[in-house]
Amino acid sequence: MTAQLSPTEVPATEQAAPYVPRHDVDTSRVPFRLADGVHLPVQRYYDQHFADLEYEKMWLHTWQWACREEDIPEPGDYIEYSIVNKTVIVVRQPDRSIKVLNNVCPHRATQLVEPADSGAFGGSQIVCPFHGWRFDLDGSQNYIYCRKGFAPGSIDPDTTRLTEVRSAVKYGFVWINFDDEAPTLEEFFGDYDKHLAPMAMDRMRVRWWKYAVVPGNWKVATEAFLEGYHVMQAHPELAFGATDDQYDADGIPFYHHGMGHVDTAAPFDPEHPENYKLPPPLIAGMEPGRFFIDQNQVLFEGTDGFATARDEYIADRIRDLPDDQVLWKFFEELYRYAEEADIPLPPMDPNASTYGFVFPNLVFLGLTGNLLFYRFRPNGTDPNTAIFEAFAMQIPRRCDMDNAAPEREGPLEPEDWPFVLQQDMGNIYRQQAGYRSGAITHSTLSPRYEPMIFSLHSEIDRYIATT
């Protein structure tokens, strides 16, 4: 006689095994560590000592992007970036290279530009607003007011210049690292590059850039975009009315790849579209081609970033085709339109990722030619608040490549965001309050549906244990 399972039981062969870290570092001395691959201690989201360890051991030793190249198009242009206690100025040099300088005057530590400030240094001079000390764009000292009043040797140019922070440019982003001994940016990305480079992010330009200060830890904000398990409940418009197990969470792809994950599902081989195999439907009874078109329409209306007006224009051309033609015809029409409009879309690549996570705080998702990016940072030293940024990017026509980048908008209130982002933000608020309530000692995650949350925390623990 076969034993009957209760409605809440799952056959052992279908149960997910606990998450196993992808490193062999001993993390036993890390407080509130990821220990069993199933639970995360709640203190990781609000404990001040743990937040200080993240800053000292992780944020100061990993690569993080500070700005886009097009934010500082001309010599003398600058933009400020800060992380916890650090503040830097990203400056375009006369030879069009980029340097990142500590935003601190060596005289009496005055910040040279305001937080989140951007603009152009007049006369190619960086001037301290307190006592008028001046520096060239490369940080070298060129004038000290009343130099005769200082002791001999105390203001030598070599010791009173603006110190430089390690930086590199990749995918159109300016990346920084405060640790001169850390692996190079190329080593940091490793073969993850084969998934990111084909998206031609360097050809993209920002359409809009918004931010908010949210009452939640930066990891709470990040995690909202590291799993699709929440879509059925949190985004009913994207589930098209499917409830509970009618929305197949197993149909959402999760790809582990070192520090991040990628969705490498190529839309089709442009030379042989007839060989394309449709993905399994996420919703019972809804054809996959129709799901693709309808979901993108909701994402256009609910984000104006994942999908754009351009994608909707293409979708309208093929919306009434038979389902087995919709997907590959969408991309065929997209590339035809791009050629006519002189939009330099990258060639299709089976490795290209339209969804990914770059440790520690960059998430992107979208379609060929445009992506919606998220960045999450601690708001100063307070572990209970974070800076939440979203920006939509798209590859424009060649003639629009040099248009001025839009200003960052914010801080915005929750109701000022597109509705899908409003839904995500509401859960950030609720989670942080819940973690601090004392009602639970740990969260319980699914290694199958929430693996990238484990991956994020596993990597944080690795940094804390080794730096």
Protein backbone atom coordinates (compact mmCIF):
# COMPACT_ATOMS: atom_id res chain seq x y z
CA MET A 1 0.00 0.00 0.00
CA THR A 2 1.40 3.41 -1.02
CA ALA A 3 1.59 6.07 1.71
CA GLN A 4 -0.52 9.14 0.97
CA LEU A 5 1.03 12.60 1.27
CA SER A 6 -0.84 15.33 3.10
CA PRO A 7 -1.64 18.51 1.11
CA THR A 8 1.33 20.25 2.75
CA GLU A 9 3.91 17.54 2.07
CA VAL A 10 6.29 17.33 -0.87
CA PRO A 11 7.84 14.08 -2.10
CA ALA A 12 11.42 13.77 -0.87
CA THR A 13 12.70 13.54 -4.45
CA GLU A 14 11.28 17.00 -5.18
CA GLN A 15 12.51 18.77 -2.04
CA ALA A 16 15.21 21.38 -2.42
CA ALA A 17 18.55 20.70 -0.78
CA PRO A 18 20.02 23.42 1.48
CA TYR A 19 22.09 26.09 -0.26
CA VAL A 20 25.81 25.26 -0.39
CA PRO A 21 28.26 28.21 -0.58
CA ARG A 22 30.39 28.32 -3.73
CA HIS A 23 33.58 28.97 -1.78
CA ASP A 24 35.57 27.04 0.82
CA VAL A 25 36.35 29.95 3.18
CA ASP A 26 35.89 29.29 6.89
CA THR A 27 33.18 31.74 8.02
CA SER A 28 32.65 30.31 11.49
CA ARG A 29 33.84 33.52 13.16
CA VAL A 30 31.48 35.78 11.19
CA PRO A 31 28.67 37.03 13.46
CA PHE A 32 25.13 36.06 12.40
CA ARG A 33 26.64 34.06 9.55
CA LEU A 34 24.91 32.04 6.87
CA ALA A 35 25.26 28.68 8.60
CA ASP A 36 22.83 26.09 7.28
CA GLY A 37 21.76 27.07 3.77
CA VAL A 38 18.15 27.48 4.89
CA HIS A 39 17.99 30.34 7.43
CA LEU A 40 19.32 33.90 7.70
CA PRO A 41 19.60 35.55 11.15
CA VAL A 42 17.49 38.72 11.29
CA GLN A 43 20.33 40.71 12.89
CA ARG A 44 22.07 40.84 9.51
CA TYR A 45 19.50 43.47 8.53
CA TYR A 46 19.78 45.90 11.45
CA ASP A 47 22.72 45.12 13.74
CA GLN A 48 25.13 48.06 13.76
CA HIS A 49 28.24 45.93 14.33
CA PHE A 50 27.37 43.73 11.36
CA ALA A 51 26.80 46.82 9.19
CA ASP A 52 30.18 48.18 10.28
CA LEU A 53 31.82 44.88 9.30
CA GLU A 54 30.17 45.03 5.88
CA TYR A 55 31.61 48.50 5.37
CA GLU A 56 35.11 47.74 6.64
CA LYS A 57 35.46 44.27 5.13
CA MET A 58 33.29 44.32 2.01
CA TRP A 59 32.36 47.80 0.72
CA LEU A 60 35.97 49.04 0.99
CA HIS A 61 37.35 46.00 -0.86
CA THR A 62 34.95 45.24 -3.70
CA TRP A 63 34.28 46.85 -7.06
CA GLN A 64 31.20 49.07 -7.26
CA TRP A 65 30.02 51.37 -9.99
CA ALA A 66 30.08 55.09 -9.27
CA CYS A 67 28.58 56.64 -12.42
CA ARG A 68 28.12 56.30 -16.16
CA GLU A 69 30.74 57.64 -18.56
CA GLU A 70 28.18 59.93 -20.16
CA ASP A 71 27.52 61.59 -16.78
CA ILE A 72 30.83 63.40 -17.24
CA PRO A 73 31.17 63.90 -21.02
CA GLU A 74 33.60 66.86 -21.14
CA PRO A 75 36.93 67.68 -19.46
CA GLY A 76 36.24 69.25 -16.09
CA ASP A 77 32.89 67.52 -15.66
CA TYR A 78 32.43 65.73 -12.36
CA ILE A 79 29.96 63.75 -10.26
CA GLU A 80 30.12 62.81 -6.58
CA TYR A 81 29.63 59.26 -5.28
CA SER A 82 29.50 58.14 -1.66
CA ILE A 83 29.36 54.86 0.20
CA VAL A 84 28.90 54.97 3.99
CA ASN A 85 31.75 57.28 5.15
CA LYS A 86 33.59 57.49 1.84
CA THR A 87 32.97 60.27 -0.68
CA VAL A 88 34.72 60.60 -4.03
CA ILE A 89 34.65 62.82 -7.11
CA VAL A 90 34.70 61.22 -10.54
CA VAL A 91 36.39 63.73 -12.87
CA ARG A 92 36.85 63.81 -16.65
CA GLN A 93 40.47 64.76 -17.41
CA PRO A 94 41.79 67.06 -20.19
CA ASP A 95 42.91 63.99 -22.18
CA ARG A 96 39.35 62.58 -21.74
CA SER A 97 40.49 59.86 -19.35
CA ILE A 98 38.74 59.55 -15.98
CA LYS A 99 40.15 59.86 -12.49
CA VAL A 100 38.43 59.29 -9.16
CA LEU A 101 39.61 61.54 -6.33
CA ASN A 102 38.83 61.52 -2.63
CA ASN A 103 36.38 64.34 -1.98
CA VAL A 104 38.40 65.70 0.94
CA CYS A 105 40.63 68.76 1.11
CA PRO A 106 43.99 67.84 2.73
CA HIS A 107 43.96 71.13 4.65
CA ARG A 108 41.13 70.58 7.15
CA ALA A 109 39.09 67.77 5.60
CA THR A 110 36.41 69.94 4.00
CA GLN A 111 34.37 68.11 1.38
CA LEU A 112 35.06 69.81 -1.93
CA VAL A 113 31.64 69.12 -3.47
CA GLU A 114 28.27 68.35 -1.92
CA PRO A 115 26.81 64.81 -1.72
CA ALA A 116 25.27 63.69 -5.04
CA ASP A 117 26.52 66.90 -6.67
CA SER A 118 27.51 67.07 -10.32
CA GLY A 119 28.60 69.77 -12.74
CA ALA A 120 31.78 71.21 -14.20
CA PHE A 121 34.82 72.66 -12.47
CA GLY A 122 35.29 76.21 -13.77
CA GLY A 123 38.70 76.93 -15.20
CA SER A 124 39.60 73.27 -14.74
CA GLN A 125 40.21 74.02 -11.06
CA ILE A 126 38.92 72.16 -8.02
CA VAL A 127 38.54 74.82 -5.32
CA CYS A 128 38.02 74.18 -1.62
CA PRO A 129 34.96 76.21 -0.55
CA PHE A 130 36.42 76.85 2.93
CA HIS A 131 39.87 78.43 2.43
CA GLY A 132 40.30 78.51 -1.35
CA TRP A 133 43.01 75.88 -1.79
CA ARG A 134 43.06 74.89 -5.47
CA PHE A 135 43.83 71.67 -7.28
CA ASP A 136 44.14 70.64 -10.91
CA LEU A 137 41.71 68.08 -12.32
CA ASP A 138 44.18 65.27 -11.62
CA GLY A 139 44.28 66.26 -7.94
CA SER A 140 47.67 67.97 -7.96
CA GLN A 141 48.01 71.03 -5.76
CA ASN A 142 48.47 74.32 -7.61
CA TYR A 143 47.64 77.08 -5.11
CA ILE A 144 47.56 77.54 -1.34
CA TYR A 145 46.24 80.79 0.03
CA CYS A 146 48.87 82.60 2.14
CA ARG A 147 51.42 79.83 1.68
CA LYS A 148 53.94 81.76 3.78
CA GLY A 149 51.93 81.04 6.92
CA PHE A 150 52.65 77.31 6.90
CA ALA A 151 55.66 75.51 8.34
CA PRO A 152 58.37 74.50 5.84
CA GLY A 153 57.70 71.06 4.35
CA SER A 154 54.16 70.79 5.75
CA ILE A 155 52.46 71.66 2.48
CA ASP A 156 54.68 69.96 -0.07
CA PRO A 157 52.75 69.22 -3.29
CA ASP A 158 53.34 65.48 -2.93
CA THR A 159 51.68 65.36 0.50
CA THR A 160 48.88 67.88 -0.04
CA ARG A 161 47.37 66.65 -3.27
CA LEU A 162 43.96 65.03 -3.62
CA THR A 163 44.51 61.32 -3.31
CA GLU A 164 43.31 59.06 -6.10
CA VAL A 165 40.98 56.07 -5.76
CA ARG A 166 41.46 53.02 -7.96
CA SER A 167 39.06 53.00 -10.90
CA ALA A 168 38.31 51.35 -14.23
CA VAL A 169 35.75 51.70 -17.01
CA LYS A 170 33.69 48.74 -18.23
CA TYR A 171 30.29 48.44 -19.95
CA GLY A 172 30.05 52.25 -19.94
CA PHE A 173 30.20 52.34 -16.11
CA VAL A 174 32.98 53.85 -14.01
CA TRP A 175 33.89 51.29 -11.33
CA ILE A 176 35.86 52.07 -8.17
CA ASN A 177 37.65 50.05 -5.51
CA PHE A 178 39.19 51.52 -2.36
CA ASP A 179 41.54 48.53 -2.02
CA ASP A 180 44.67 48.76 -4.17
CA GLU A 181 45.41 45.08 -3.44
CA ALA A 182 42.02 43.75 -4.54
CA PRO A 183 41.74 41.71 -7.76
CA THR A 184 41.53 43.72 -10.96
CA LEU A 185 38.14 44.51 -12.41
CA GLU A 186 38.72 41.92 -15.13
CA GLU A 187 39.52 39.30 -12.51
CA PHE A 188 36.46 40.36 -10.53
CA PHE A 189 34.15 39.69 -13.47
CA GLY A 190 36.00 36.68 -14.81
CA ASP A 191 34.04 34.73 -17.42
CA TYR A 192 30.85 36.43 -16.23
CA ASP A 193 31.88 38.96 -18.87
CA LYS A 194 30.71 36.62 -21.64
CA HIS A 195 27.13 37.16 -20.43
CA LEU A 196 27.32 40.93 -19.91
CA ALA A 197 29.46 42.14 -22.81
CA PRO A 198 27.00 40.95 -25.53
CA MET A 199 24.31 43.29 -24.15
CA ALA A 200 26.35 46.31 -25.33
CA MET A 201 25.68 48.33 -22.16
CA ASP A 202 28.36 50.78 -23.30
CA ARG A 203 26.08 51.79 -26.20
CA MET A 204 23.13 52.40 -23.87
CA ARG A 205 22.17 55.83 -22.61
CA VAL A 206 20.11 56.73 -19.55
CA ARG A 207 16.47 57.61 -20.29
CA TRP A 208 15.56 58.35 -16.68
CA TRP A 209 17.22 58.01 -13.30
CA LYS A 210 15.25 58.14 -10.04
CA TYR A 211 16.04 57.52 -6.40
CA ALA A 212 14.46 57.27 -2.96
CA VAL A 213 15.65 56.85 0.59
CA VAL A 214 13.81 53.79 1.92
CA PRO A 215 13.37 52.66 5.55
CA GLY A 216 15.04 49.31 4.97
CA ASN A 217 18.50 47.76 5.00
CA TRP A 218 20.29 47.83 1.65
CA LYS A 219 20.13 44.02 1.48
CA VAL A 220 16.36 44.02 1.99
CA ALA A 221 16.09 46.39 -0.99
CA THR A 222 18.45 44.29 -3.10
CA GLU A 223 16.75 40.99 -2.32
CA ALA A 224 13.43 42.23 -3.67
CA PHE A 225 15.00 41.92 -7.12
CA LEU A 226 16.95 38.68 -6.66
CA GLU A 227 14.02 36.29 -6.96
CA GLY A 228 10.85 35.83 -8.98
CA TYR A 229 9.11 33.86 -6.25
CA HIS A 230 7.23 37.00 -5.15
CA VAL A 231 5.64 37.77 -8.53
CA MET A 232 2.44 35.77 -8.04
CA GLN A 233 1.48 37.62 -4.85
CA ALA A 234 3.26 40.97 -5.06
CA HIS A 235 2.60 41.68 -8.75
CA PRO A 236 -0.85 40.30 -9.62
CA GLU A 237 -0.86 42.21 -12.91
CA LEU A 238 2.21 40.23 -14.02
CA ALA A 239 0.56 36.96 -12.99
CA PHE A 240 -2.59 37.75 -15.02
CA GLY A 241 -4.90 36.53 -12.30
CA ALA A 242 -3.08 33.26 -11.67
CA THR A 243 -3.04 32.44 -7.96
CA ASP A 244 -1.15 29.99 -5.81
CA ASP A 245 0.40 27.14 -7.81
CA GLN A 246 -1.37 28.24 -11.00
CA TYR A 247 1.69 30.48 -11.44
CA ASP A 248 4.60 28.11 -11.97
CA ALA A 249 7.57 29.46 -10.01
CA ASP A 250 9.66 26.58 -11.39
CA GLY A 251 9.33 28.14 -14.80
CA ILE A 252 11.37 31.18 -13.77
CA PRO A 253 15.00 30.58 -14.75
CA PHE A 254 17.75 30.87 -12.14
CA TYR A 255 21.32 30.63 -13.36
CA HIS A 256 24.19 30.63 -10.89
CA HIS A 257 27.35 32.12 -12.23
CA GLY A 258 29.95 32.99 -9.67
CA MET A 259 28.88 36.17 -7.92
CA GLY A 260 25.62 36.53 -9.84
CA HIS A 261 22.99 34.90 -11.94
CA VAL A 262 22.04 35.30 -15.54
CA ASP A 263 19.13 34.43 -17.77
CA THR A 264 20.91 33.31 -20.91
CA ALA A 265 17.85 32.18 -22.82
CA ALA A 266 18.51 33.39 -26.37
CA PRO A 267 15.32 34.54 -28.13
CA PHE A 268 16.15 32.62 -31.29
CA ASP A 269 18.85 31.90 -33.84
CA PRO A 270 18.29 34.65 -36.44
CA GLU A 271 19.55 32.34 -39.17
CA HIS A 272 17.15 29.52 -38.24
CA PRO A 273 14.16 30.90 -36.34
CA GLU A 274 12.14 27.83 -37.24
CA ASN A 275 14.28 25.80 -34.81
CA TYR A 276 13.39 27.94 -31.82
CA LYS A 277 11.80 26.05 -28.95
CA LEU A 278 9.24 28.00 -26.94
CA PRO A 279 9.88 28.16 -23.19
CA PRO A 280 7.42 26.43 -20.89
CA PRO A 281 4.46 28.65 -19.93
CA LEU A 282 4.48 30.13 -16.43
CA ILE A 283 0.69 30.23 -16.30
CA ALA A 284 -1.44 27.19 -17.03
CA GLY A 285 -3.52 27.69 -20.16
CA MET A 286 -1.66 30.84 -21.31
CA GLU A 287 0.38 30.42 -24.47
CA PRO A 288 4.05 31.42 -24.03
CA GLY A 289 4.17 33.83 -26.98
CA ARG A 290 1.05 35.60 -25.74
CA PHE A 291 2.51 35.67 -22.23
CA PHE A 292 5.69 37.32 -23.55
CA ILE A 293 3.80 40.06 -25.36
CA ASP A 294 1.25 40.71 -22.61
CA GLN A 295 3.80 40.64 -19.79
CA ASN A 296 6.01 43.14 -21.59
CA GLN A 297 3.02 45.45 -21.98
CA VAL A 298 2.41 45.34 -18.22
CA LEU A 299 6.11 45.92 -17.56
CA PHE A 300 6.07 48.89 -19.92
CA GLU A 301 3.13 50.41 -18.09
CA GLY A 302 4.42 49.39 -14.65
CA THR A 303 8.13 50.25 -14.99
CA ASP A 304 8.77 52.17 -18.24
CA GLY A 305 12.17 50.56 -18.13
CA PHE A 306 12.06 46.80 -18.58
CA ALA A 307 10.07 47.38 -21.78
CA THR A 308 9.77 50.73 -23.53
CA ALA A 309 7.56 52.51 -26.04
CA ARG A 310 9.84 51.16 -28.76
CA ASP A 311 9.15 47.59 -27.69
CA GLU A 312 5.42 48.25 -27.57
CA TYR A 313 5.54 49.68 -31.08
CA ILE A 314 7.19 46.46 -32.27
CA ALA A 315 4.74 44.32 -30.31
CA ASP A 316 1.78 46.00 -31.98
CA ARG A 317 3.09 44.80 -35.35
CA ILE A 318 2.97 41.13 -34.40
CA ARG A 319 0.40 40.94 -31.61
CA ASP A 320 -2.16 39.01 -33.70
CA LEU A 321 0.19 36.39 -35.13
CA PRO A 322 -0.14 32.69 -34.17
CA ASP A 323 1.51 32.02 -30.83
CA ASP A 324 4.34 29.90 -32.22
CA GLN A 325 5.46 32.88 -34.35
CA VAL A 326 5.09 35.73 -31.89
CA LEU A 327 8.40 35.48 -30.07
CA TRP A 328 10.80 35.14 -32.95
CA LYS A 329 8.83 37.61 -35.10
CA PHE A 330 9.12 40.18 -32.31
CA PHE A 331 12.90 40.04 -32.48
CA GLU A 332 12.92 39.89 -36.25
CA GLU A 333 10.84 43.07 -36.38
CA LEU A 334 12.94 44.69 -33.65
CA TYR A 335 16.14 44.22 -35.64
CA ARG A 336 14.50 45.38 -38.86
CA TYR A 337 13.27 48.52 -37.11
CA ALA A 338 16.72 49.13 -35.57
CA GLU A 339 18.42 48.88 -38.93
CA GLU A 340 16.00 51.37 -40.47
CA ALA A 341 16.39 53.80 -37.57
CA ASP A 342 20.19 53.37 -37.32
CA ILE A 343 20.04 51.96 -33.80
CA PRO A 344 23.23 49.91 -33.23
CA LEU A 345 21.75 46.87 -31.51
CA PRO A 346 24.32 44.17 -30.72
CA PRO A 347 24.14 40.91 -32.67
CA MET A 348 22.20 38.16 -30.98
CA ASP A 349 24.36 36.00 -28.76
CA PRO A 350 23.20 32.83 -26.97
CA ASN A 351 25.28 33.89 -23.94
CA ALA A 352 23.78 37.37 -23.63
CA SER A 353 21.98 37.98 -20.36
CA THR A 354 18.79 40.00 -20.02
CA TYR A 355 18.67 39.42 -16.25
CA GLY A 356 21.58 39.43 -13.88
CA PHE A 357 23.12 40.44 -10.57
CA VAL A 358 26.57 41.94 -10.13
CA PHE A 359 27.77 41.65 -6.54
CA PRO A 360 27.20 43.48 -4.31
CA ASN A 361 24.45 45.86 -5.40
CA LEU A 362 23.64 45.98 -9.13
CA VAL A 363 20.64 44.22 -10.66
CA PHE A 364 19.53 44.53 -14.28
CA LEU A 365 16.67 43.11 -16.33
CA GLY A 366 15.05 43.90 -19.63
CA LEU A 367 15.19 43.15 -23.34
CA THR A 368 17.69 43.34 -26.16
CA GLY A 369 18.62 47.01 -26.54
CA ASN A 370 17.27 48.26 -23.21
CA LEU A 371 17.68 47.39 -19.57
CA LEU A 372 16.29 48.55 -16.25
CA PHE A 373 19.04 48.83 -13.62
CA TYR A 374 18.81 48.96 -9.83
CA ARG A 375 21.48 50.05 -7.37
CA PHE A 376 21.20 49.80 -3.58
CA ARG A 377 23.51 51.40 -1.00
CA PRO A 378 23.60 51.98 2.73
CA ASN A 379 22.35 55.47 3.60
CA GLY A 380 25.36 56.62 5.58
CA THR A 381 26.05 54.46 8.62
CA ASP A 382 22.42 53.68 9.49
CA PRO A 383 21.69 49.98 8.78
CA ASN A 384 17.94 50.66 8.78
CA THR A 385 17.81 52.93 5.74
CA ALA A 386 19.11 52.64 2.19
CA ILE A 387 19.44 54.61 -1.02
CA PHE A 388 17.31 52.92 -3.69
CA GLU A 389 18.08 53.92 -7.28
CA ALA A 390 16.52 52.81 -10.55
CA PHE A 391 17.51 53.95 -14.00
CA ALA A 392 16.26 52.97 -17.42
CA MET A 393 18.75 52.67 -20.25
CA GLN A 394 18.33 52.08 -23.96
CA ILE A 395 20.54 51.97 -27.05
CA PRO A 396 19.48 55.11 -28.94
CA ARG A 397 19.88 56.10 -32.56
CA ARG A 398 23.49 56.90 -33.43
CA CYS A 399 22.62 60.55 -33.87
CA ASP A 400 21.34 60.69 -30.27
CA MET A 401 24.35 59.05 -28.62
CA ASP A 402 25.83 62.37 -27.46
CA ASN A 403 22.64 63.90 -26.06
CA ALA A 404 22.93 65.24 -22.52
CA ALA A 405 22.23 62.72 -19.77
CA PRO A 406 19.12 63.43 -17.68
CA GLU A 407 19.42 64.65 -14.10
CA ARG A 408 18.75 62.23 -11.26
CA GLU A 409 15.24 62.75 -9.85
CA GLY A 410 14.54 62.46 -6.15
CA PRO A 411 14.24 61.70 -3.42
CA LEU A 412 10.85 60.39 -4.56
CA GLU A 413 7.94 59.28 -2.41
CA PRO A 414 6.59 55.74 -3.00
CA GLU A 415 3.56 57.03 -4.92
CA ASP A 416 5.85 58.81 -7.39
CA TRP A 417 7.21 55.54 -8.81
CA PRO A 418 5.68 53.38 -11.59
CA PHE A 419 3.21 50.93 -10.06
CA VAL A 420 5.36 47.77 -10.26
CA LEU A 421 8.15 49.54 -8.37
CA GLN A 422 5.60 50.84 -5.86
CA GLN A 423 4.66 47.24 -5.13
CA ASP A 424 8.29 46.24 -4.60
CA MET A 425 9.00 49.24 -2.41
CA GLY A 426 6.01 48.55 -0.16
CA ASN A 427 7.43 45.16 0.77
CA ILE A 428 10.83 46.69 1.63
CA TYR A 429 9.08 48.84 4.23
CA ARG A 430 7.21 45.87 5.68
CA GLN A 431 10.21 43.56 5.81
CA GLN A 432 12.50 45.90 7.71
CA ALA A 433 9.84 46.51 10.34
CA GLY A 434 9.27 42.76 10.62
CA TYR A 435 12.97 41.95 11.03
CA ARG A 436 13.23 44.46 13.89
CA SER A 437 10.03 43.34 15.61
CA GLY A 438 11.55 40.47 17.59
CA ALA A 439 8.82 38.13 16.37
CA ILE A 440 11.29 35.88 14.52
CA THR A 441 14.98 35.11 14.96
CA HIS A 442 15.66 34.18 11.35
CA SER A 443 14.11 34.15 7.91
CA THR A 444 13.49 30.83 6.16
CA LEU A 445 14.38 30.88 2.47
CA SER A 446 13.89 28.50 -0.43
CA PRO A 447 17.19 27.26 -1.89
CA ARG A 448 15.26 26.57 -5.10
CA TYR A 449 13.44 29.87 -5.56
CA GLU A 450 15.63 32.29 -3.60
CA PRO A 451 19.17 31.01 -4.25
CA MET A 452 20.60 34.40 -5.17
CA ILE A 453 19.72 35.79 -1.76
CA PHE A 454 21.84 33.02 -0.26
CA SER A 455 24.56 33.78 -2.81
CA LEU A 456 24.59 37.47 -1.83
CA HIS A 457 24.92 36.68 1.87
CA SER A 458 27.46 33.93 1.27
CA GLU A 459 29.68 36.38 -0.59
CA ILE A 460 29.32 39.00 2.17
CA ASP A 461 30.42 36.39 4.72
CA ARG A 462 33.39 35.48 2.55
CA TYR A 463 34.55 39.11 2.48
CA ILE A 464 34.11 39.52 6.22
CA ALA A 465 36.06 36.34 6.92
CA THR A 466 39.01 37.06 4.60
CA THR A 467 39.72 40.80 4.52
